[in-house]
All heavy atoms as atom14 arrays in JSON, in Angstrom:
{
  "sequence": "GREGVATIASDDSTSVADSAEGRFTISKDNAK",
  "atom14_mask": [
    [1, 1, 1, 1, 0, 0, 0, 0, 0, 0, 0, 0, 0, 0],
    [1, 1, 1, 1, 1, 1, 1, 1, 1, 1, 1, 0, 0, 0],
    [1, 1, 1, 1, 1, 1, 1, 1, 1, 0, 0, 0, 0, 0],
    [1, 1, 1, 1, 0, 0, 0, 0, 0, 0, 0, 0, 0, 0],
    [1, 1, 1, 1, 1, 1, 1, 0, 0, 0, 0, 0, 0, 0],
    [1, 1, 1, 1, 1, 0, 0, 0, 0, 0, 0, 0, 0, 0],
    [1, 1, 1, 1, 1, 1, 1, 0, 0, 0, 0, 0, 0, 0],
    [1, 1, 1, 1, 1, 1, 1, 1, 0, 0, 0, 0, 0, 0],
    [1, 1, 1, 1, 1, 0, 0, 0, 0, 0, 0, 0, 0, 0],
    [1, 1, 1, 1, 1, 1, 0, 0, 0, 0, 0, 0, 0, 0],
    [1, 1, 1, 1, 1, 1, 1, 1, 0, 0, 0, 0, 0, 0],
    [1, 1, 1, 1, 1, 1, 1, 1, 0, 0, 0, 0, 0, 0],
    [1, 1, 1, 1, 1, 1, 0, 0, 0, 0, 0, 0, 0, 0],
    [1, 1, 1, 1, 1, 1, 1, 0, 0, 0, 0, 0, 0, 0],
    [1, 1, 1, 1, 1, 1, 0, 0, 0, 0, 0, 0, 0, 0],
    [1, 1, 1, 1, 1, 1, 1, 0, 0, 0, 0, 0, 0, 0],
    [1, 1, 1, 1, 1, 0, 0, 0, 0, 0, 0, 0, 0, 0],
    [1, 1, 1, 1, 1, 1, 1, 1, 0, 0, 0, 0, 0, 0],
    [1, 1, 1, 1, 1, 1, 0, 0, 0, 0, 0, 0, 0, 0],
    [1, 1, 1, 1, 1, 0, 0, 0, 0, 0, 0, 0, 0, 0],
    [1, 1, 1, 1, 1, 1, 1, 1, 1, 0, 0, 0, 0, 0],
    [1, 1, 1, 1, 0, 0, 0, 0, 0, 0, 0, 0, 0, 0],
    [1, 1, 1, 1, 1, 1, 1, 1, 1, 1, 1, 0, 0, 0],
    [1, 1, 1, 1, 1, 1, 1, 1, 1, 1, 1, 0, 0, 0],
    [1, 1, 1, 1, 1, 1, 1, 0, 0, 0, 0, 0, 0, 0],
    [1, 1, 1, 1, 1, 1, 1, 1, 0, 0, 0, 0, 0, 0],
    [1, 1, 1, 1, 1, 1, 0, 0, 0, 0, 0, 0, 0, 0],
    [1, 1, 1, 1, 1, 1, 1, 1, 1, 0, 0, 0, 0, 0],
    [1, 1, 1, 1, 1, 1, 1, 1, 0, 0, 0, 0, 0, 0],
    [1, 1, 1, 1, 1, 1, 1, 1, 0, 0, 0, 0, 0, 0],
    [1, 1, 1, 1, 1, 0, 0, 0, 0, 0, 0, 0, 0, 0],
    [1, 1, 1, 1, 1, 1, 1, 1, 1, 0, 0, 0, 0, 0]
  ],
  "atom14_positions": [
    [[2.83, -68.14, 24.5], [2.62, -69.1, 23.44], [1.44, -68.65, 22.41], [0.77, -67.75, 22.72], [0.0, 0.0, 0.0], [0.0, 0.0, 0.0], [0.0, 0.0, 0.0], [0.0, 0.0, 0.0], [0.0, 0.0, 0.0], [0.0, 0.0, 0.0], [0.0, 0.0, 0.0], [0.0, 0.0, 0.0], [0.0, 0.0, 0.0], [0.0, 0.0, 0.0]],
    [[1.45, -69.46, 21.41], [0.41, -69.04, 20.35], [-0.88, -69.59, 20.84], [-1.03, -70.64, 21.38], [0.82, -69.69, 19.04], [-0.03, -69.32, 17.87], [0.65, -69.47, 16.56], [1.07, -70.86, 16.27], [1.91, -71.18, 15.44], [2.46, -70.32, 14.46], [2.09, -72.64, 15.14], [0.0, 0.0, 0.0], [0.0, 0.0, 0.0], [0.0, 0.0, 0.0]],
    [[-1.88, -68.7, 20.74], [-3.16, -68.95, 21.25], [-4.24, -68.69, 20.2], [-4.13, -67.9, 19.26], [-3.49, -68.08, 22.45], [-3.62, -66.63, 22.1], [-4.02, -65.7, 23.22], [-4.37, -66.24, 24.31], [-3.98, -64.34, 23.14], [0.0, 0.0, 0.0], [0.0, 0.0, 0.0], [0.0, 0.0, 0.0], [0.0, 0.0, 0.0], [0.0, 0.0, 0.0]],
    [[-5.33, -69.5, 20.32], [-6.39, -69.37, 19.27], [-7.15, -68.1, 19.57], [-7.42, -67.62, 20.6], [0.0, 0.0, 0.0], [0.0, 0.0, 0.0], [0.0, 0.0, 0.0], [0.0, 0.0, 0.0], [0.0, 0.0, 0.0], [0.0, 0.0, 0.0], [0.0, 0.0, 0.0], [0.0, 0.0, 0.0], [0.0, 0.0, 0.0], [0.0, 0.0, 0.0]],
    [[-7.54, -67.42, 18.39], [-8.26, -66.17, 18.42], [-9.75, -66.49, 18.03], [-10.74, -66.07, 18.64], [-7.71, -65.11, 17.7], [-8.62, -63.83, 17.65], [-6.36, -64.74, 18.19], [0.0, 0.0, 0.0], [0.0, 0.0, 0.0], [0.0, 0.0, 0.0], [0.0, 0.0, 0.0], [0.0, 0.0, 0.0], [0.0, 0.0, 0.0], [0.0, 0.0, 0.0]],
    [[-9.98, -67.09, 16.75], [-11.22, -67.23, 16.21], [-11.07, -68.37, 15.29], [-10.06, -68.44, 14.46], [-11.88, -65.99, 15.7], [0.0, 0.0, 0.0], [0.0, 0.0, 0.0], [0.0, 0.0, 0.0], [0.0, 0.0, 0.0], [0.0, 0.0, 0.0], [0.0, 0.0, 0.0], [0.0, 0.0, 0.0], [0.0, 0.0, 0.0], [0.0, 0.0, 0.0]],
    [[-12.14, -69.23, 15.02], [-12.12, -70.3, 14.01], [-13.43, -70.35, 13.3], [-14.4, -69.77, 13.76], [-11.79, -71.62, 14.61], [-12.9, -72.05, 15.51], [-10.49, -71.67, 15.32], [0.0, 0.0, 0.0], [0.0, 0.0, 0.0], [0.0, 0.0, 0.0], [0.0, 0.0, 0.0], [0.0, 0.0, 0.0], [0.0, 0.0, 0.0], [0.0, 0.0, 0.0]],
    [[-13.54, -70.77, 12.13], [-14.72, -71.03, 11.24], [-14.56, -72.29, 10.58], [-13.46, -72.65, 10.0], [-14.88, -69.77, 10.36], [-16.19, -69.89, 9.61], [-13.76, -69.69, 9.37], [-16.64, -68.66, 8.83], [0.0, 0.0, 0.0], [0.0, 0.0, 0.0], [0.0, 0.0, 0.0], [0.0, 0.0, 0.0], [0.0, 0.0, 0.0], [0.0, 0.0, 0.0]],
    [[-15.67, -73.02, 10.65], [-15.74, -74.38, 9.96], [-16.25, -74.29, 8.63], [-16.84, -73.32, 8.18], [-16.43, -75.32, 10.84], [0.0, 0.0, 0.0], [0.0, 0.0, 0.0], [0.0, 0.0, 0.0], [0.0, 0.0, 0.0], [0.0, 0.0, 0.0], [0.0, 0.0, 0.0], [0.0, 0.0, 0.0], [0.0, 0.0, 0.0], [0.0, 0.0, 0.0]],
    [[-16.28, -75.43, 7.88], [-16.77, -75.44, 6.56], [-18.17, -75.35, 6.46], [-18.85, -74.86, 5.47], [-16.38, -76.88, 5.95], [-16.94, -77.9, 6.66], [0.0, 0.0, 0.0], [0.0, 0.0, 0.0], [0.0, 0.0, 0.0], [0.0, 0.0, 0.0], [0.0, 0.0, 0.0], [0.0, 0.0, 0.0], [0.0, 0.0, 0.0], [0.0, 0.0, 0.0]],
    [[-19.0, -75.48, 7.6], [-20.23, -75.25, 7.68], [-20.72, -73.81, 8.17], [-21.83, -73.45, 8.38], [-21.03, -76.29, 8.53], [-20.74, -76.2, 9.95], [-19.81, -75.43, 10.36], [-21.3, -76.92, 10.77], [0.0, 0.0, 0.0], [0.0, 0.0, 0.0], [0.0, 0.0, 0.0], [0.0, 0.0, 0.0], [0.0, 0.0, 0.0], [0.0, 0.0, 0.0]],
    [[-19.66, -73.03, 8.27], [-19.75, -71.64, 8.65], [-19.91, -71.32, 10.05], [-20.18, -70.19, 10.53], [-20.79, -70.86, 7.76], [-20.3, -70.6, 6.41], [-19.09, -70.63, 6.15], [-21.18, -70.4, 5.48], [0.0, 0.0, 0.0], [0.0, 0.0, 0.0], [0.0, 0.0, 0.0], [0.0, 0.0, 0.0], [0.0, 0.0, 0.0], [0.0, 0.0, 0.0]],
    [[-19.87, -72.42, 10.9], [-20.03, -72.19, 12.36], [-18.74, -71.52, 12.74], [-17.61, -71.79, 12.29], [-20.34, -73.47, 13.06], [-19.24, -74.4, 12.81], [0.0, 0.0, 0.0], [0.0, 0.0, 0.0], [0.0, 0.0, 0.0], [0.0, 0.0, 0.0], [0.0, 0.0, 0.0], [0.0, 0.0, 0.0], [0.0, 0.0, 0.0], [0.0, 0.0, 0.0]],
    [[-18.85, -70.76, 13.79], [-17.64, -70.04, 14.26], [-17.42, -70.06, 15.71], [-18.37, -70.53, 16.48], [-17.78, -68.46, 13.95], [-18.91, -67.92, 14.62], [-17.95, -68.28, 12.48], [0.0, 0.0, 0.0], [0.0, 0.0, 0.0], [0.0, 0.0, 0.0], [0.0, 0.0, 0.0], [0.0, 0.0, 0.0], [0.0, 0.0, 0.0], [0.0, 0.0, 0.0]],
    [[-16.23, -69.85, 16.22], [-15.84, -69.91, 17.59], [-14.92, -68.74, 17.76], [-13.99, -68.59, 16.99], [-15.27, -71.16, 18.02], [-14.91, -71.04, 19.32], [0.0, 0.0, 0.0], [0.0, 0.0, 0.0], [0.0, 0.0, 0.0], [0.0, 0.0, 0.0], [0.0, 0.0, 0.0], [0.0, 0.0, 0.0], [0.0, 0.0, 0.0], [0.0, 0.0, 0.0]],
    [[-15.05, -67.95, 18.92], [-14.3, -66.83, 19.23], [-13.79, -67.07, 20.59], [-14.51, -67.38, 21.53], [-14.98, -65.5, 18.98], [-14.07, -64.3, 19.33], [-15.52, -65.32, 17.59], [0.0, 0.0, 0.0], [0.0, 0.0, 0.0], [0.0, 0.0, 0.0], [0.0, 0.0, 0.0], [0.0, 0.0, 0.0], [0.0, 0.0, 0.0], [0.0, 0.0, 0.0]],
    [[-12.52, -66.74, 20.82], [-11.91, -66.76, 22.17], [-12.61, -65.83, 23.1], [-13.11, -64.72, 22.73], [-10.35, -66.48, 22.21], [0.0, 0.0, 0.0], [0.0, 0.0, 0.0], [0.0, 0.0, 0.0], [0.0, 0.0, 0.0], [0.0, 0.0, 0.0], [0.0, 0.0, 0.0], [0.0, 0.0, 0.0], [0.0, 0.0, 0.0], [0.0, 0.0, 0.0]],
    [[-12.77, -66.11, 24.41], [-13.35, -65.37, 25.48], [-12.76, -63.95, 25.4], [-13.57, -62.96, 25.54], [-13.24, -66.07, 26.71], [-14.01, -67.22, 26.88], [-15.0, -67.47, 26.08], [-13.77, -68.11, 27.84], [0.0, 0.0, 0.0], [0.0, 0.0, 0.0], [0.0, 0.0, 0.0], [0.0, 0.0, 0.0], [0.0, 0.0, 0.0], [0.0, 0.0, 0.0]],
    [[-11.4, -63.81, 25.24], [-10.84, -62.58, 25.25], [-11.2, -61.71, 24.15], [-10.94, -60.5, 24.23], [-9.27, -62.73, 25.28], [-8.83, -63.37, 24.15], [0.0, 0.0, 0.0], [0.0, 0.0, 0.0], [0.0, 0.0, 0.0], [0.0, 0.0, 0.0], [0.0, 0.0, 0.0], [0.0, 0.0, 0.0], [0.0, 0.0, 0.0], [0.0, 0.0, 0.0]],
    [[-11.74, -62.21, 23.03], [-12.05, -61.49, 21.9], [-13.53, -61.4, 21.6], [-14.03, -60.68, 20.67], [-11.37, -62.05, 20.56], [0.0, 0.0, 0.0], [0.0, 0.0, 0.0], [0.0, 0.0, 0.0], [0.0, 0.0, 0.0], [0.0, 0.0, 0.0], [0.0, 0.0, 0.0], [0.0, 0.0, 0.0], [0.0, 0.0, 0.0], [0.0, 0.0, 0.0]],
    [[-14.31, -62.14, 22.37], [-15.79, -62.15, 22.09], [-16.4, -60.88, 22.24], [-16.15, -60.11, 23.12], [-16.34, -63.27, 23.17], [-17.84, -63.3, 23.06], [-18.25, -64.18, 21.84], [-17.54, -65.1, 21.4], [-19.21, -63.85, 21.09], [0.0, 0.0, 0.0], [0.0, 0.0, 0.0], [0.0, 0.0, 0.0], [0.0, 0.0, 0.0], [0.0, 0.0, 0.0]],
    [[-17.18, -60.57, 21.32], [-17.89, -59.27, 21.27], [-17.02, -58.18, 20.51], [-17.6, -57.16, 20.26], [0.0, 0.0, 0.0], [0.0, 0.0, 0.0], [0.0, 0.0, 0.0], [0.0, 0.0, 0.0], [0.0, 0.0, 0.0], [0.0, 0.0, 0.0], [0.0, 0.0, 0.0], [0.0, 0.0, 0.0], [0.0, 0.0, 0.0], [0.0, 0.0, 0.0]],
    [[-15.83, -58.49, 20.3], [-15.04, -57.38, 19.64], [-14.41, -57.89, 18.2], [-14.31, -57.14, 17.38], [-13.76, -57.19, 20.43], [-14.17, -56.59, 21.78], [-12.96, -56.19, 22.66], [-11.97, -57.28, 22.96], [-10.73, -57.27, 22.53], [-10.23, -56.33, 21.83], [-9.98, -58.33, 22.78], [0.0, 0.0, 0.0], [0.0, 0.0, 0.0], [0.0, 0.0, 0.0]],
    [[-14.18, -59.26, 18.02], [-13.65, -59.74, 16.92], [-14.74, -60.63, 16.26], [-15.59, -61.34, 16.8], [-12.49, -60.64, 17.17], [-11.27, -60.03, 17.65], [-11.26, -58.66, 18.0], [-10.05, -60.73, 17.78], [-10.13, -58.13, 18.5], [-8.87, -60.07, 18.28], [-8.92, -58.74, 18.62], [0.0, 0.0, 0.0], [0.0, 0.0, 0.0], [0.0, 0.0, 0.0]],
    [[-14.71, -60.57, 14.8], [-15.71, -61.43, 14.06], [-14.79, -62.08, 12.91], [-14.09, -61.44, 12.24], [-16.7, -60.41, 13.37], [-17.46, -59.84, 14.4], [-17.66, -61.32, 12.59], [0.0, 0.0, 0.0], [0.0, 0.0, 0.0], [0.0, 0.0, 0.0], [0.0, 0.0, 0.0], [0.0, 0.0, 0.0], [0.0, 0.0, 0.0], [0.0, 0.0, 0.0]],
    [[-14.93, -63.34, 12.8], [-14.33, -64.15, 11.85], [-15.36, -64.38, 10.76], [-16.41, -64.71, 11.0], [-13.79, -65.39, 12.35], [-12.81, -66.15, 11.32], [-14.8, -66.41, 12.88], [-12.05, -67.32, 11.83], [0.0, 0.0, 0.0], [0.0, 0.0, 0.0], [0.0, 0.0, 0.0], [0.0, 0.0, 0.0], [0.0, 0.0, 0.0], [0.0, 0.0, 0.0]],
    [[-14.86, -64.34, 9.45], [-15.8, -64.68, 8.34], [-14.88, -65.06, 7.18], [-13.67, -64.99, 7.15], [-16.56, -63.41, 7.9], [-15.69, -62.39, 7.51], [0.0, 0.0, 0.0], [0.0, 0.0, 0.0], [0.0, 0.0, 0.0], [0.0, 0.0, 0.0], [0.0, 0.0, 0.0], [0.0, 0.0, 0.0], [0.0, 0.0, 0.0], [0.0, 0.0, 0.0]],
    [[-15.49, -65.53, 6.13], [-14.75, -66.07, 4.93], [-15.44, -65.77, 3.68], [-16.79, -65.75, 3.69], [-14.46, -67.58, 4.92], [-15.65, -68.35, 5.17], [-15.24, -69.93, 5.26], [-16.44, -70.89, 5.4], [-16.01, -72.25, 5.53], [0.0, 0.0, 0.0], [0.0, 0.0, 0.0], [0.0, 0.0, 0.0], [0.0, 0.0, 0.0], [0.0, 0.0, 0.0]],
    [[-14.87, -65.49, 2.57], [-15.54, -65.53, 1.26], [-14.97, -66.56, 0.47], [-13.87, -66.62, 0.02], [-15.1, -64.07, 0.71], [-15.75, -63.87, -0.82], [-16.2, -64.85, -1.4], [-15.86, -62.73, -1.0], [0.0, 0.0, 0.0], [0.0, 0.0, 0.0], [0.0, 0.0, 0.0], [0.0, 0.0, 0.0], [0.0, 0.0, 0.0], [0.0, 0.0, 0.0]],
    [[-15.9, -67.71, 0.26], [-15.33, -68.86, -0.39], [-15.02, -68.6, -1.77], [-14.03, -69.31, -2.42], [-16.45, -69.95, -0.25], [-16.63, -70.42, 1.17], [-15.71, -70.56, 1.94], [-17.9, -70.8, 1.48], [0.0, 0.0, 0.0], [0.0, 0.0, 0.0], [0.0, 0.0, 0.0], [0.0, 0.0, 0.0], [0.0, 0.0, 0.0], [0.0, 0.0, 0.0]],
    [[-15.64, -67.76, -2.42], [-15.47, -67.47, -3.91], [-14.03, -66.88, -4.03], [-13.47, -67.09, -5.05], [-16.54, -66.56, -4.49], [0.0, 0.0, 0.0], [0.0, 0.0, 0.0], [0.0, 0.0, 0.0], [0.0, 0.0, 0.0], [0.0, 0.0, 0.0], [0.0, 0.0, 0.0], [0.0, 0.0, 0.0], [0.0, 0.0, 0.0], [0.0, 0.0, 0.0]],
    [[-13.55, -66.13, -3.08], [-12.24, -65.44, -3.03], [-11.23, -66.22, -2.36], [-9.97, -65.84, -2.27], [-12.34, -64.06, -2.54], [-13.21, -63.14, -3.28], [-13.26, -61.8, -2.79], [-14.11, -60.78, -3.64], [-14.09, -59.38, -3.07], [0.0, 0.0, 0.0], [0.0, 0.0, 0.0], [0.0, 0.0, 0.0], [0.0, 0.0, 0.0], [0.0, 0.0, 0.0]]
  ]
}
């Protein structure tokens, strides 16, 4: 099934799945 990998909130707080922790980084560029 589809599983969560990483999320980022409007306040820039992030969450990364245990399987990806330390390897994946989520970020955003609001201007773009």
